[in-house]
Amino acid sequence: MIQSMKKNGLLLALFGLGAAGLVAITYEGTKAQIAEQKQQQLIATLAQIIPADRFDNEPHKACHQIVSEQYLGNDRPHQAFVATFGDAPVAMAIETTAPDGYNGEIEIIVGVDWQGNLLGVRTLQHNETPGLGDLIDTRRSDWVDSFVGYRLESENDSRFNVKRDGGDFDQFTGATITPRAYVKAVKNTLNYFNRNKDVIAAAPQCGAQS
């Protein structure tokens, strides 16, 4: 009986080691492909929020880590991508978080030119309710395009609210919390940009050890 238990235990341990090894081999074999897919997705997203004729560098390679719980939604590092033309900064894409979505955090990226005009906004990740709050996703609606062309006239620009709160942006039928959180996050990101655009390029590069 004891010999049988030892044998079964050994077989189980060998099976576990084999499975772990297979997972490790699979991961190593696909790691480069996954990284390449992520980079291509990033490049495609940046192209949607910063027009290609505005810059002559590769913004996805000009990435800096920034942190601001006050303006970017939490105390985690976010990424900022600097677009340049002739070595002069002309635009930036800033990742930010709306912490108060209906179903939790909403990850957003905001494209803005150096004068503070919004060039484009995209939702990177969310858990909002399908059919209600998910209109922030371009696969569901073009609502995020309503930000294009806006810039802050003041830090508390009242236009950056949903219409129900006296602002310019549509709320969704049956889902006001999501667009309210989203508009607030975009406004906070613009305030962060206006306050810090000249020093972001000096922030640690993405992937650098802190």
Foldseek 3Di string as FASTA:
>chain_A
DVVVVVVVVVVVVVVVVVVVVVVVVVCVVCVVVVVVVVLVVVQVVVCQFDPPVQADDRQVQLKFWDADCQQQVHGDTWIKTFGHHPPHTFKIKTWGWLQFAPQGIWIKIWIATLVFFTRFIATDDDDDDPPWLVCSHVVNHPQRVVRGGDGDPDLPRVQLADVVSPHVGHATVVGRRNSRSVSSNNSSVSVVCVVPVVCRSVHHGPPDDD
